[in-house]
Amino acid sequence: MPHLTLEYTDNITQEIDFQALFAQLHQILADVGGIAIANCKSRAICLNEYRIADGRTEHAFAHLMIRFLEGRAAHLKREIGVQSVEALRAAFAPSFGPFEMQVSAEIQDIERQMYHKYP
């Protein structure tokens, strides 16, 4: 825990260094949220079925969902979201020219009693 899922549209063809981006996001979680980097799990999913606005191919997006155990204060979650969007803006910067590009981040709490793992 936490789990980070980055979805992005397949019309984004720039090279993305996901390992560097995930390392930066994990560091944000550690610095702001007090989360151990060893517990972070990230993945990127390229979407090939989507529709944005009026369907024009000039639209693109990257959306980051961050899920972690409940209990962190709202101001910490806001700061994690703000810093995460900044990291996404930097990582996807080359795509802002050719696309009407949107980046976003969403933070979700997971109830402790509903999360199970081994070991």
PDB file of N, CA and C in Angstrom:
ATOM      1  N   MET A   1       0.857  -1.148   0.000  1.00  0.00           N
ATOM      2  CA  MET A   1       0.000   0.000   0.000  1.00  0.00           C
ATOM      3  C   MET A   1       0.910   1.219   0.000  1.00  0.00           C
ATOM      4  N   PRO A   2       0.715   2.219  -0.716  1.00  0.00           N
ATOM      5  CA  PRO A   2      -0.417   2.548  -1.562  1.00  0.00           C
ATOM      6  C   PRO A   2      -0.309   1.938  -2.960  1.00  0.00           C
ATOM      7  N   HIS A   3      -1.408   2.046  -3.684  1.00  0.00           N
ATOM      8  CA  HIS A   3      -1.460   1.612  -5.076  1.00  0.00           C
ATOM      9  C   HIS A   3      -1.677   2.837  -5.951  1.00  0.00           C
ATOM     10  N   LEU A   4      -0.842   2.969  -6.979  1.00  0.00           N
ATOM     11  CA  LEU A   4      -0.952   4.060  -7.934  1.00  0.00           C
ATOM     12  C   LEU A   4      -1.256   3.467  -9.305  1.00  0.00           C
ATOM     13  N   THR A   5      -2.300   3.969  -9.940  1.00  0.00           N
ATOM     14  CA  THR A   5      -2.672   3.510 -11.274  1.00  0.00           C
ATOM     15  C   THR A   5      -2.739   4.734 -12.183  1.00  0.00           C
ATOM     16  N   LEU A   6      -1.880   4.742 -13.184  1.00  0.00           N
ATOM     17  CA  LEU A   6      -1.826   5.830 -14.148  1.00  0.00           C
ATOM     18  C   LEU A   6      -2.441   5.339 -15.453  1.00  0.00           C
ATOM     19  N   GLU A   7      -3.525   5.974 -15.872  1.00  0.00           N
ATOM     20  CA  GLU A   7      -4.150   5.684 -17.158  1.00  0.00           C
ATOM     21  C   GLU A   7      -3.840   6.834 -18.101  1.00  0.00           C
ATOM     22  N   TYR A   8      -3.527   6.487 -19.358  1.00  0.00           N
ATOM     23  CA  TYR A   8      -3.261   7.530 -20.344  1.00  0.00           C
ATOM     24  C   TYR A   8      -3.732   7.042 -21.713  1.00  0.00           C
ATOM     25  N   THR A   9      -4.101   7.981 -22.573  1.00  0.00           N
ATOM     26  CA  THR A   9      -4.651   7.634 -23.873  1.00  0.00           C
ATOM     27  C   THR A   9      -3.548   7.243 -24.853  1.00  0.00           C
ATOM     28  N   ASP A  10      -3.887   6.306 -25.728  1.00  0.00           N
ATOM     29  CA  ASP A  10      -2.879   5.756 -26.633  1.00  0.00           C
ATOM     30  C   ASP A  10      -2.462   6.697 -27.753  1.00  0.00           C
ATOM     31  N   ASN A  11      -3.125   7.848 -27.889  1.00  0.00           N
ATOM     32  CA  ASN A  11      -2.674   8.806 -28.886  1.00  0.00           C
ATOM     33  C   ASN A  11      -1.471   9.618 -28.405  1.00  0.00           C
ATOM     34  N   ILE A  12      -1.107   9.452 -27.141  1.00  0.00           N
ATOM     35  CA  ILE A  12       0.108  10.069 -26.611  1.00  0.00           C
ATOM     36  C   ILE A  12       1.272   9.177 -27.025  1.00  0.00           C
ATOM     37  N   THR A  13       2.083   9.670 -27.914  1.00  0.00           N
ATOM     38  CA  THR A  13       3.148   8.832 -28.472  1.00  0.00           C
ATOM     39  C   THR A  13       4.544   9.209 -27.974  1.00  0.00           C
ATOM     40  N   GLN A  14       4.632  10.237 -27.133  1.00  0.00           N
ATOM     41  CA  GLN A  14       5.942  10.629 -26.610  1.00  0.00           C
ATOM     42  C   GLN A  14       6.521   9.506 -25.753  1.00  0.00           C
ATOM     43  N   GLU A  15       7.825   9.488 -25.625  1.00  0.00           N
ATOM     44  CA  GLU A  15       8.480   8.556 -24.712  1.00  0.00           C
ATOM     45  C   GLU A  15       8.255   9.027 -23.288  1.00  0.00           C
ATOM     46  N   ILE A  16       7.830   8.140 -22.434  1.00  0.00           N
ATOM     47  CA  ILE A  16       7.605   8.465 -21.029  1.00  0.00           C
ATOM     48  C   ILE A  16       8.483   7.544 -20.199  1.00  0.00           C
ATOM     49  N   ASP A  17       9.275   8.124 -19.335  1.00  0.00           N
ATOM     50  CA  ASP A  17      10.111   7.340 -18.426  1.00  0.00           C
ATOM     51  C   ASP A  17       9.274   7.019 -17.190  1.00  0.00           C
ATOM     52  N   PHE A  18       8.520   5.933 -17.274  1.00  0.00           N
ATOM     53  CA  PHE A  18       7.626   5.576 -16.183  1.00  0.00           C
ATOM     54  C   PHE A  18       8.375   5.283 -14.886  1.00  0.00           C
ATOM     55  N   GLN A  19       9.551   4.688 -14.983  1.00  0.00           N
ATOM     56  CA  GLN A  19      10.314   4.393 -13.764  1.00  0.00           C
ATOM     57  C   GLN A  19      10.696   5.679 -13.036  1.00  0.00           C
ATOM     58  N   ALA A  20      11.116   6.684 -13.768  1.00  0.00           N
ATOM     59  CA  ALA A  20      11.464   7.972 -13.148  1.00  0.00           C
ATOM     60  C   ALA A  20      10.214   8.660 -12.588  1.00  0.00           C
ATOM     61  N   LEU A  21       9.115   8.611 -13.349  1.00  0.00           N
ATOM     62  CA  LEU A  21       7.869   9.223 -12.875  1.00  0.00           C
ATOM     63  C   LEU A  21       7.378   8.529 -11.616  1.00  0.00           C
ATOM     64  N   PHE A  22       7.382   7.206 -11.617  1.00  0.00           N
ATOM     65  CA  PHE A  22       6.925   6.477 -10.432  1.00  0.00           C
ATOM     66  C   PHE A  22       7.838   6.738  -9.238  1.00  0.00           C
ATOM     67  N   ALA A  23       9.131   6.822  -9.471  1.00  0.00           N
ATOM     68  CA  ALA A  23      10.054   7.137  -8.375  1.00  0.00           C
ATOM     69  C   ALA A  23       9.728   8.505  -7.779  1.00  0.00           C
ATOM     70  N   GLN A  24       9.433   9.472  -8.633  1.00  0.00           N
ATOM     71  CA  GLN A  24       9.078  10.813  -8.159  1.00  0.00           C
ATOM     72  C   GLN A  24       7.770  10.781  -7.372  1.00  0.00           C
ATOM     73  N   LEU A  25       6.775  10.063  -7.869  1.00  0.00           N
ATOM     74  CA  LEU A  25       5.493   9.961  -7.174  1.00  0.00           C
ATOM     75  C   LEU A  25       5.635   9.245  -5.830  1.00  0.00           C
ATOM     76  N   HIS A  26       6.445   8.200  -5.804  1.00  0.00           N
ATOM     77  CA  HIS A  26       6.691   7.491  -4.536  1.00  0.00           C
ATOM     78  C   HIS A  26       7.358   8.427  -3.530  1.00  0.00           C
ATOM     79  N   GLN A  27       8.275   9.262  -4.012  1.00  0.00           N
ATOM     80  CA  GLN A  27       8.954  10.205  -3.119  1.00  0.00           C
ATOM     81  C   GLN A  27       7.980  11.245  -2.571  1.00  0.00           C
ATOM     82  N   ILE A  28       7.047  11.690  -3.400  1.00  0.00           N
ATOM     83  CA  ILE A  28       6.012  12.620  -2.930  1.00  0.00           C
ATOM     84  C   ILE A  28       5.210  11.974  -1.806  1.00  0.00           C
ATOM     85  N   LEU A  29       4.820  10.732  -1.987  1.00  0.00           N
ATOM     86  CA  LEU A  29       4.055  10.025  -0.953  1.00  0.00           C
ATOM     87  C   LEU A  29       4.859   9.898   0.335  1.00  0.00           C
ATOM     88  N   ALA A  30       6.147   9.655   0.205  1.00  0.00           N
ATOM     89  CA  ALA A  30       7.006   9.539   1.392  1.00  0.00           C
ATOM     90  C   ALA A  30       7.162  10.885   2.080  1.00  0.00           C
ATOM     91  N   ASP A  31       7.476  11.915   1.299  1.00  0.00           N
ATOM     92  CA  ASP A  31       7.756  13.231   1.869  1.00  0.00           C
ATOM     93  C   ASP A  31       6.513  13.892   2.467  1.00  0.00           C
ATOM     94  N   VAL A  32       5.405  13.812   1.762  1.00  0.00           N
ATOM     95  CA  VAL A  32       4.189  14.507   2.200  1.00  0.00           C
ATOM     96  C   VAL A  32       3.334  13.631   3.106  1.00  0.00           C
ATOM     97  N   GLY A  33       3.193  12.361   2.734  1.00  0.00           N
ATOM     98  CA  GLY A  33       2.264  11.486   3.445  1.00  0.00           C
ATOM     99  C   GLY A  33       2.884  10.584   4.481  1.00  0.00           C
ATOM    100  N   GLY A  34       4.216  10.594   4.585  1.00  0.00           N
ATOM    101  CA  GLY A  34       4.866   9.724   5.557  1.00  0.00           C
ATOM    102  C   GLY A  34       4.736   8.250   5.219  1.00  0.00           C
ATOM    103  N   ILE A  35       4.603   7.937   3.948  1.00  0.00           N
ATOM    104  CA  ILE A  35       4.417   6.558   3.487  1.00  0.00           C
ATOM    105  C   ILE A  35       5.774   5.962   3.140  1.00  0.00           C
ATOM    106  N   ALA A  36       5.998   4.736   3.562  1.00  0.00           N
ATOM    107  CA  ALA A  36       7.258   4.044   3.247  1.00  0.00           C
ATOM    108  C   ALA A  36       7.295   3.715   1.756  1.00  0.00           C
ATOM    109  N   ILE A  37       8.360   4.128   1.088  1.00  0.00           N
ATOM    110  CA  ILE A  37       8.508   3.857  -0.341  1.00  0.00           C
ATOM    111  C   ILE A  37       8.440   2.361  -0.620  1.00  0.00           C
ATOM    112  N   ALA A  38       8.927   1.544   0.287  1.00  0.00           N
ATOM    113  CA  ALA A  38       8.909   0.094   0.100  1.00  0.00           C
ATOM    114  C   ALA A  38       7.494  -0.449  -0.071  1.00  0.00           C
ATOM    115  N   ASN A  39       6.501   0.297   0.370  1.00  0.00           N
ATOM    116  CA  ASN A  39       5.112  -0.161   0.273  1.00  0.00           C
ATOM    117  C   ASN A  39       4.387   0.318  -0.982  1.00  0.00           C
ATOM    118  N   CYS A  40       5.024   1.160  -1.781  1.00  0.00           N
ATOM    119  CA  CYS A  40       4.365   1.735  -2.957  1.00  0.00           C
ATOM    120  C   CYS A  40       4.370   0.758  -4.129  1.00  0.00           C
ATOM    121  N   LYS A  41       3.237   0.692  -4.816  1.00  0.00           N
ATOM    122  CA  LYS A  41       3.091  -0.167  -5.996  1.00  0.00           C
ATOM    123  C   LYS A  41       2.442   0.661  -7.094  1.00  0.00           C
ATOM    124  N   SER A  42       3.097   0.754  -8.244  1.00  0.00           N
ATOM    125  CA  SER A  42       2.611   1.597  -9.338  1.00  0.00           C
ATOM    126  C   SER A  42       2.530   0.826 -10.635  1.00  0.00           C
ATOM    127  N   ARG A  43       1.583   1.252 -11.450  1.00  0.00           N
ATOM    128  CA  ARG A  43       1.452   0.667 -12.768  1.00  0.00           C
ATOM    129  C   ARG A  43       0.879   1.712 -13.722  1.00  0.00           C
ATOM    130  N   ALA A  44       1.180   1.545 -15.020  1.00  0.00           N
ATOM    131  CA  ALA A  44       0.667   2.431 -16.063  1.00  0.00           C
ATOM    132  C   ALA A  44      -0.157   1.599 -17.034  1.00  0.00           C
ATOM    133  N   ILE A  45      -1.295   2.146 -17.416  1.00  0.00           N
ATOM    134  CA  ILE A  45      -2.203   1.456 -18.324  1.00  0.00           C
ATOM    135  C   ILE A  45      -2.496   2.372 -19.507  1.00  0.00           C
ATOM    136  N   CYS A  46      -2.141   1.911 -20.689  1.00  0.00           N
ATOM    137  CA  CYS A  46      -2.418   2.660 -21.908  1.00  0.00           C
ATOM    138  C   CYS A  46      -3.825   2.290 -22.384  1.00  0.00           C
ATOM    139  N   LEU A  47      -4.659   3.313 -22.573  1.00  0.00           N
ATOM    140  CA  LEU A  47      -6.054   3.095 -22.956  1.00  0.00           C
ATOM    141  C   LEU A  47      -6.211   3.211 -24.466  1.00  0.00           C
ATOM    142  N   ASN A  48      -6.806   2.194 -25.075  1.00  0.00           N
ATOM    143  CA  ASN A  48      -7.050   2.290 -26.514  1.00  0.00           C
ATOM    144  C   ASN A  48      -8.536   2.428 -26.834  1.00  0.00           C
ATOM    145  N   GLU A  49      -9.385   2.366 -25.836  1.00  0.00           N
ATOM    146  CA  GLU A  49     -10.818   2.601 -26.006  1.00  0.00           C
ATOM    147  C   GLU A  49     -11.230   3.722 -25.055  1.00  0.00           C
ATOM    148  N   TYR A  50     -11.568   4.868 -25.593  1.00  0.00           N
ATOM    149  CA  TYR A  50     -11.926   6.038 -24.792  1.00  0.00           C
ATOM    150  C   TYR A  50     -12.606   7.056 -25.700  1.00  0.00           C
ATOM    151  N   ARG A  51     -13.251   8.010 -25.109  1.00  0.00           N
ATOM    152  CA  ARG A  51     -13.785   9.161 -25.829  1.00  0.00           C
ATOM    153  C   ARG A  51     -13.609  10.364 -24.927  1.00  0.00           C
ATOM    154  N   ILE A  52     -13.096  11.433 -25.485  1.00  0.00           N
ATOM    155  CA  ILE A  52     -12.903  12.671 -24.750  1.00  0.00           C
ATOM    156  C   ILE A  52     -13.699  13.754 -25.459  1.00  0.00           C
ATOM    157  N   ALA A  53     -14.543  14.423 -24.708  1.00  0.00           N
ATOM    158  CA  ALA A  53     -15.326  15.569 -25.202  1.00  0.00           C
ATOM    159  C   ALA A  53     -16.072  15.213 -26.485  1.00  0.00           C
ATOM    160  N   ASP A  54     -15.759  15.914 -27.582  1.00  0.00           N
ATOM    161  CA  ASP A  54     -16.473  15.710 -28.839  1.00  0.00           C
ATOM    162  C   ASP A  54     -15.861  14.604 -29.701  1.00  0.00           C
ATOM    163  N   GLY A  55     -14.861  13.898 -29.163  1.00  0.00           N
ATOM    164  CA  GLY A  55     -14.273  12.773 -29.879  1.00  0.00           C
ATOM    165  C   GLY A  55     -13.146  13.118 -30.821  1.00  0.00           C
ATOM    166  N   ARG A  56     -12.777  14.389 -30.903  1.00  0.00           N
ATOM    167  CA  ARG A  56     -11.673  14.755 -31.796  1.00  0.00           C
ATOM    168  C   ARG A  56     -10.374  14.114 -31.321  1.00  0.00           C
ATOM    169  N   THR A  57      -9.523  13.745 -32.243  1.00  0.00           N
ATOM    170  CA  THR A  57      -8.265  13.075 -31.916  1.00  0.00           C
ATOM    171  C   THR A  57      -7.239  14.011 -31.293  1.00  0.00           C
ATOM    172  N   GLU A  58      -7.529  15.312 -31.256  1.00  0.00           N
ATOM    173  CA  GLU A  58      -6.606  16.263 -30.629  1.00  0.00           C
ATOM    174  C   GLU A  58      -6.706  16.247 -29.106  1.00  0.00           C
ATOM    175  N   HIS A  59      -7.660  15.509 -28.558  1.00  0.00           N
ATOM    176  CA  HIS A  59      -7.820  15.413 -27.109  1.00  0.00           C
ATOM    177  C   HIS A  59      -7.005  14.236 -26.576  1.00  0.00           C
ATOM    178  N   ALA A  60      -6.412  14.441 -25.394  1.00  0.00           N
ATOM    179  CA  ALA A  60      -5.662  13.366 -24.730  1.00  0.00           C
ATOM    180  C   ALA A  60      -5.727  13.604 -23.222  1.00  0.00           C
ATOM    181  N   PHE A  61      -5.499  12.532 -22.460  1.00  0.00           N
ATOM    182  CA  PHE A  61      -5.457  12.712 -21.008  1.00  0.00           C
ATOM    183  C   PHE A  61      -4.562  11.683 -20.350  1.00  0.00           C
ATOM    184  N   ALA A  62      -4.135  12.052 -19.140  1.00  0.00           N
ATOM    185  CA  ALA A  62      -3.453  11.143 -18.220  1.00  0.00           C
ATOM    186  C   ALA A  62      -4.108  11.357 -16.860  1.00  0.00           C
ATOM    187  N   HIS A  63      -4.533  10.268 -16.248  1.00  0.00           N
ATOM    188  CA  HIS A  63      -5.217  10.352 -14.957  1.00  0.00           C
ATOM    189  C   HIS A  63      -4.540   9.384 -13.983  1.00  0.00           C
ATOM    190  N   LEU A  64      -4.188   9.911 -12.828  1.00  0.00           N
ATOM    191  CA  LEU A  64      -3.525   9.127 -11.796  1.00  0.00           C
ATOM    192  C   LEU A  64      -4.483   8.900 -10.637  1.00  0.00           C
ATOM    193  N   MET A  65      -4.691   7.642 -10.293  1.00  0.00           N
ATOM    194  CA  MET A  65      -5.469   7.305  -9.110  1.00  0.00           C
ATOM    195  C   MET A  65      -4.499   6.801  -8.046  1.00  0.00           C
ATOM    196  N   ILE A  66      -4.572   7.427  -6.881  1.00  0.00           N
ATOM    197  CA  ILE A  66      -3.735   7.034  -5.741  1.00  0.00           C
ATOM    198  C   ILE A  66      -4.665   6.524  -4.655  1.00  0.00           C
ATOM    199  N   ARG A  67      -4.470   5.276  -4.263  1.00  0.00           N
ATOM    200  CA  ARG A  67      -5.295   4.681  -3.208  1.00  0.00           C
ATOM    201  C   ARG A  67      -4.382   4.263  -2.067  1.00  0.00           C
ATOM    202  N   PHE A  68      -4.737   4.694  -0.859  1.00  0.00           N
ATOM    203  CA  PHE A  68      -3.988   4.255   0.318  1.00  0.00           C
ATOM    204  C   PHE A  68      -4.919   4.157   1.509  1.00  0.00           C
ATOM    205  N   LEU A  69      -4.391   3.551   2.578  1.00  0.00           N
ATOM    206  CA  LEU A  69      -5.205   3.316   3.762  1.00  0.00           C
ATOM    207  C   LEU A  69      -5.687   4.620   4.364  1.00  0.00           C
ATOM    208  N   GLU A  70      -6.912   4.616   4.823  1.00  0.00           N
ATOM    209  CA  GLU A  70      -7.547   5.790   5.422  1.00  0.00           C
ATOM    210  C   GLU A  70      -6.753   6.286   6.628  1.00  0.00           C
ATOM    211  N   GLY A  71      -7.002   7.531   6.983  1.00  0.00           N
ATOM    212  CA  GLY A  71      -6.424   8.076   8.196  1.00  0.00           C
ATOM    213  C   GLY A  71      -5.572   9.313   8.010  1.00  0.00           C
ATOM    214  N   ARG A  72      -5.224   9.663   6.771  1.00  0.00           N
ATOM    215  CA  ARG A  72      -4.412  10.860   6.563  1.00  0.00           C
ATOM    216  C   ARG A  72      -5.301  12.095   6.478  1.00  0.00           C
ATOM    217  N   ALA A  73      -4.794  13.191   6.978  1.00  0.00           N
ATOM    218  CA  ALA A  73      -5.544  14.451   6.999  1.00  0.00           C
ATOM    219  C   ALA A  73      -5.805  14.953   5.582  1.00  0.00           C
ATOM    220  N   ALA A  74      -6.910  15.673   5.423  1.00  0.00           N
ATOM    221  CA  ALA A  74      -7.309  16.196   4.114  1.00  0.00           C
ATOM    222  C   ALA A  74      -6.243  17.104   3.509  1.00  0.00           C
ATOM    223  N   HIS A  75      -5.578  17.925   4.333  1.00  0.00           N
ATOM    224  CA  HIS A  75      -4.573  18.833   3.770  1.00  0.00           C
ATOM    225  C   HIS A  75      -3.372  18.062   3.209  1.00  0.00           C
ATOM    226  N   LEU A  76      -3.044  16.921   3.794  1.00  0.00           N
ATOM    227  CA  LEU A  76      -1.958  16.091   3.255  1.00  0.00           C
ATOM    228  C   LEU A  76      -2.375  15.467   1.931  1.00  0.00           C
ATOM    229  N   LYS A  77      -3.594  14.994   1.856  1.00  0.00           N
ATOM    230  CA  LYS A  77      -4.090  14.397   0.611  1.00  0.00           C
ATOM    231  C   LYS A  77      -4.149  15.453  -0.496  1.00  0.00           C
ATOM    232  N   ARG A  78      -4.578  16.668  -0.164  1.00  0.00           N
ATOM    233  CA  ARG A  78      -4.587  17.754  -1.158  1.00  0.00           C
ATOM    234  C   ARG A  78      -3.179  18.026  -1.672  1.00  0.00           C
ATOM    235  N   GLU A  79      -2.213  18.096  -0.754  1.00  0.00           N
ATOM    236  CA  GLU A  79      -0.829  18.384  -1.163  1.00  0.00           C
ATOM    237  C   GLU A  79      -0.262  17.249  -2.022  1.00  0.00           C
ATOM    238  N   ILE A  80      -0.561  16.024  -1.674  1.00  0.00           N
ATOM    239  CA  ILE A  80      -0.143  14.890  -2.514  1.00  0.00           C
ATOM    240  C   ILE A  80      -0.735  15.042  -3.907  1.00  0.00           C
ATOM    241  N   GLY A  81      -2.014  15.414  -3.987  1.00  0.00           N
ATOM    242  CA  GLY A  81      -2.662  15.597  -5.286  1.00  0.00           C
ATOM    243  C   GLY A  81      -2.038  16.711  -6.095  1.00  0.00           C
ATOM    244  N   VAL A  82      -1.785  17.852  -5.464  1.00  0.00           N
ATOM    245  CA  VAL A  82      -1.181  19.001  -6.153  1.00  0.00           C
ATOM    246  C   VAL A  82       0.210  18.639  -6.687  1.00  0.00           C
ATOM    247  N   GLN A  83       1.036  18.042  -5.842  1.00  0.00           N
ATOM    248  CA  GLN A  83       2.391  17.689  -6.275  1.00  0.00           C
ATOM    249  C   GLN A  83       2.377  16.590  -7.337  1.00  0.00           C
ATOM    250  N   SER A  84       1.430  15.676  -7.242  1.00  0.00           N
ATOM    251  CA  SER A  84       1.328  14.604  -8.242  1.00  0.00           C
ATOM    252  C   SER A  84       0.940  15.164  -9.607  1.00  0.00           C
ATOM    253  N   VAL A  85       0.013  16.110  -9.643  1.00  0.00           N
ATOM    254  CA  VAL A  85      -0.373  16.733 -10.916  1.00  0.00           C
ATOM    255  C   VAL A  85       0.814  17.479 -11.510  1.00  0.00           C
ATOM    256  N   GLU A  86       1.594  18.141 -10.679  1.00  0.00           N
ATOM    257  CA  GLU A  86       2.794  18.824 -11.186  1.00  0.00           C
ATOM    258  C   GLU A  86       3.779  17.820 -11.792  1.00  0.00           C
ATOM    259  N   ALA A  87       3.949  16.682 -11.159  1.00  0.00           N
ATOM    260  CA  ALA A  87       4.833  15.642 -11.697  1.00  0.00           C
ATOM    261  C   ALA A  87       4.302  15.129 -13.035  1.00  0.00           C
ATOM    262  N   LEU A  88       2.994  14.948 -13.143  1.00  0.00           N
ATOM    263  CA  LEU A  88       2.396  14.510 -14.405  1.00  0.00           C
ATOM    264  C   LEU A  88       2.562  15.569 -15.488  1.00  0.00           C
ATOM    265  N   ARG A  89       2.347  16.837 -15.130  1.00  0.00           N
ATOM    266  CA  ARG A  89       2.523  17.926 -16.107  1.00  0.00           C
ATOM    267  C   ARG A  89       3.935  17.910 -16.680  1.00  0.00           C
ATOM    268  N   ALA A  90       4.910  17.709 -15.832  1.00  0.00           N
ATOM    269  CA  ALA A  90       6.296  17.682 -16.296  1.00  0.00           C
ATOM    270  C   ALA A  90       6.554  16.450 -17.178  1.00  0.00           C
ATOM    271  N   ALA A  91       6.065  15.296 -16.754  1.00  0.00           N
ATOM    272  CA  ALA A  91       6.313  14.058 -17.495  1.00  0.00           C
ATOM    273  C   ALA A  91       5.650  14.074 -18.871  1.00  0.00           C
ATOM    274  N   PHE A  92       4.480  14.681 -18.964  1.00  0.00           N
ATOM    275  CA  PHE A  92       3.723  14.701 -20.218  1.00  0.00           C
ATOM    276  C   PHE A  92       3.855  16.031 -20.959  1.00  0.00           C
ATOM    277  N   ALA A  93       4.792  16.861 -20.572  1.00  0.00           N
ATOM    278  CA  ALA A  93       4.957  18.194 -21.166  1.00  0.00           C
ATOM    279  C   ALA A  93       5.022  18.184 -22.697  1.00  0.00           C
ATOM    280  N   PRO A  94       5.759  17.266 -23.321  1.00  0.00           N
ATOM    281  CA  PRO A  94       5.809  17.285 -24.784  1.00  0.00           C
ATOM    282  C   PRO A  94       4.448  17.073 -25.458  1.00  0.00           C
ATOM    283  N   SER A  95       3.497  16.490 -24.751  1.00  0.00           N
ATOM    284  CA  SER A  95       2.186  16.220 -25.347  1.00  0.00           C
ATOM    285  C   SER A  95       1.236  17.402 -25.255  1.00  0.00           C
ATOM    286  N   PHE A  96       1.594  18.433 -24.504  1.00  0.00           N
ATOM    287  CA  PHE A  96       0.717  19.587 -24.387  1.00  0.00           C
ATOM    288  C   PHE A  96       0.689  20.403 -25.671  1.00  0.00           C
ATOM    289  N   GLY A  97       1.729  20.330 -26.489  1.00  0.00           N
ATOM    290  CA  GLY A  97       1.742  21.062 -27.755  1.00  0.00           C
ATOM    291  C   GLY A  97       0.798  20.465 -28.780  1.00  0.00           C
ATOM    292  N   PRO A  98       0.940  19.192 -29.100  1.00  0.00           N
ATOM    293  CA  PRO A  98       0.093  18.623 -30.147  1.00  0.00           C
ATOM    294  C   PRO A  98      -1.336  18.272 -29.707  1.00  0.00           C
ATOM    295  N   PHE A  99      -1.586  18.245 -28.414  1.00  0.00           N
ATOM    296  CA  PHE A  99      -2.898  17.818 -27.922  1.00  0.00           C
ATOM    297  C   PHE A  99      -3.531  18.854 -27.006  1.00  0.00           C
ATOM    298  N   GLU A 100      -4.841  18.776 -26.904  1.00  0.00           N
ATOM    299  CA  GLU A 100      -5.566  19.432 -25.823  1.00  0.00           C
ATOM    300  C   GLU A 100      -5.478  18.440 -24.670  1.00  0.00           C
ATOM    301  N   MET A 101      -4.402  18.548 -23.925  1.00  0.00           N
ATOM    302  CA  MET A 101      -3.992  17.552 -22.939  1.00  0.00           C
ATOM    303  C   MET A 101      -4.537  17.912 -21.561  1.00  0.00           C
ATOM    304  N   GLN A 102      -5.103  16.924 -20.891  1.00  0.00           N
ATOM    305  CA  GLN A 102      -5.561  17.091 -19.516  1.00  0.00           C
ATOM    306  C   GLN A 102      -4.821  16.082 -18.639  1.00  0.00           C
ATOM    307  N   VAL A 103      -4.332  16.557 -17.487  1.00  0.00           N
ATOM    308  CA  VAL A 103      -3.759  15.654 -16.485  1.00  0.00           C
ATOM    309  C   VAL A 103      -4.522  15.865 -15.177  1.00  0.00           C
ATOM    310  N   SER A 104      -4.722  14.782 -14.464  1.00  0.00           N
ATOM    311  CA  SER A 104      -5.473  14.866 -13.214  1.00  0.00           C
ATOM    312  C   SER A 104      -4.995  13.773 -12.260  1.00  0.00           C
ATOM    313  N   ALA A 105      -5.305  14.003 -10.978  1.00  0.00           N
ATOM    314  CA  ALA A 105      -4.988  13.020  -9.944  1.00  0.00           C
ATOM    315  C   ALA A 105      -6.182  12.918  -9.005  1.00  0.00           C
ATOM    316  N   GLU A 106      -6.416  11.725  -8.536  1.00  0.00           N
ATOM    317  CA  GLU A 106      -7.524  11.432  -7.634  1.00  0.00           C
ATOM    318  C   GLU A 106      -6.984  10.624  -6.472  1.00  0.00           C
ATOM    319  N   ILE A 107      -7.363  11.001  -5.266  1.00  0.00           N
ATOM    320  CA  ILE A 107      -6.919  10.296  -4.067  1.00  0.00           C
ATOM    321  C   ILE A 107      -8.124   9.570  -3.480  1.00  0.00           C
ATOM    322  N   GLN A 108      -7.960   8.301  -3.205  1.00  0.00           N
ATOM    323  CA  GLN A 108      -9.029   7.523  -2.589  1.00  0.00           C
ATOM    324  C   GLN A 108      -8.508   6.833  -1.341  1.00  0.00           C
ATOM    325  N   ASP A 109      -9.314   6.878  -0.293  1.00  0.00           N
ATOM    326  CA  ASP A 109      -9.010   6.139   0.933  1.00  0.00           C
ATOM    327  C   ASP A 109      -9.527   4.709   0.812  1.00  0.00           C
ATOM    328  N   ILE A 110      -8.772   3.788   1.354  1.00  0.00           N
ATOM    329  CA  ILE A 110      -9.211   2.393   1.468  1.00  0.00           C
ATOM    330  C   ILE A 110      -9.444   2.118   2.948  1.00  0.00           C
ATOM    331  N   GLU A 111     -10.595   1.586   3.256  1.00  0.00           N
ATOM    332  CA  GLU A 111     -10.890   1.238   4.642  1.00  0.00           C
ATOM    333  C   GLU A 111      -9.932   0.138   5.099  1.00  0.00           C
ATOM    334  N   ARG A 112      -9.331   0.336   6.259  1.00  0.00           N
ATOM    335  CA  ARG A 112      -8.372  -0.636   6.785  1.00  0.00           C
ATOM    336  C   ARG A 112      -8.951  -2.039   6.882  1.00  0.00           C
ATOM    337  N   GLN A 113     -10.178  -2.143   7.350  1.00  0.00           N
ATOM    338  CA  GLN A 113     -10.771  -3.463   7.536  1.00  0.00           C
ATOM    339  C   GLN A 113     -11.105  -4.149   6.217  1.00  0.00           C
ATOM    340  N   MET A 114     -11.065  -3.401   5.116  1.00  0.00           N
ATOM    341  CA  MET A 114     -11.372  -3.976   3.807  1.00  0.00           C
ATOM    342  C   MET A 114     -10.134  -4.278   2.970  1.00  0.00           C
ATOM    343  N   TYR A 115      -8.954  -3.995   3.507  1.00  0.00           N
ATOM    344  CA  TYR A 115      -7.711  -4.252   2.753  1.00  0.00           C
ATOM    345  C   TYR A 115      -7.010  -5.457   3.358  1.00  0.00           C
ATOM    346  N   HIS A 116      -6.682  -6.411   2.507  1.00  0.00           N
ATOM    347  CA  HIS A 116      -6.044  -7.643   2.964  1.00  0.00           C
ATOM    348  C   HIS A 116      -4.831  -7.917   2.088  1.00  0.00           C
ATOM    349  N   LYS A 117      -3.754  -8.370   2.700  1.00  0.00           N
ATOM    350  CA  LYS A 117      -2.568  -8.723   1.927  1.00  0.00           C
ATOM    351  C   LYS A 117      -1.783  -9.804   2.659  1.00  0.00           C
ATOM    352  N   TYR A 118      -0.890 -10.427   1.905  1.00  0.00           N
ATOM    353  CA  TYR A 118       0.002 -11.430   2.464  1.00  0.00           C
ATOM    354  C   TYR A 118       1.390 -11.118   1.965  1.00  0.00           C
ATOM    355  N   PRO A 119       2.416 -11.171   2.665  1.00  0.00           N
ATOM    356  CA  PRO A 119       2.508 -11.277   4.121  1.00  0.00           C
ATOM    357  C   PRO A 119       2.266  -9.944   4.770  1.00  0.00           C
TER     358      PRO A 119
END
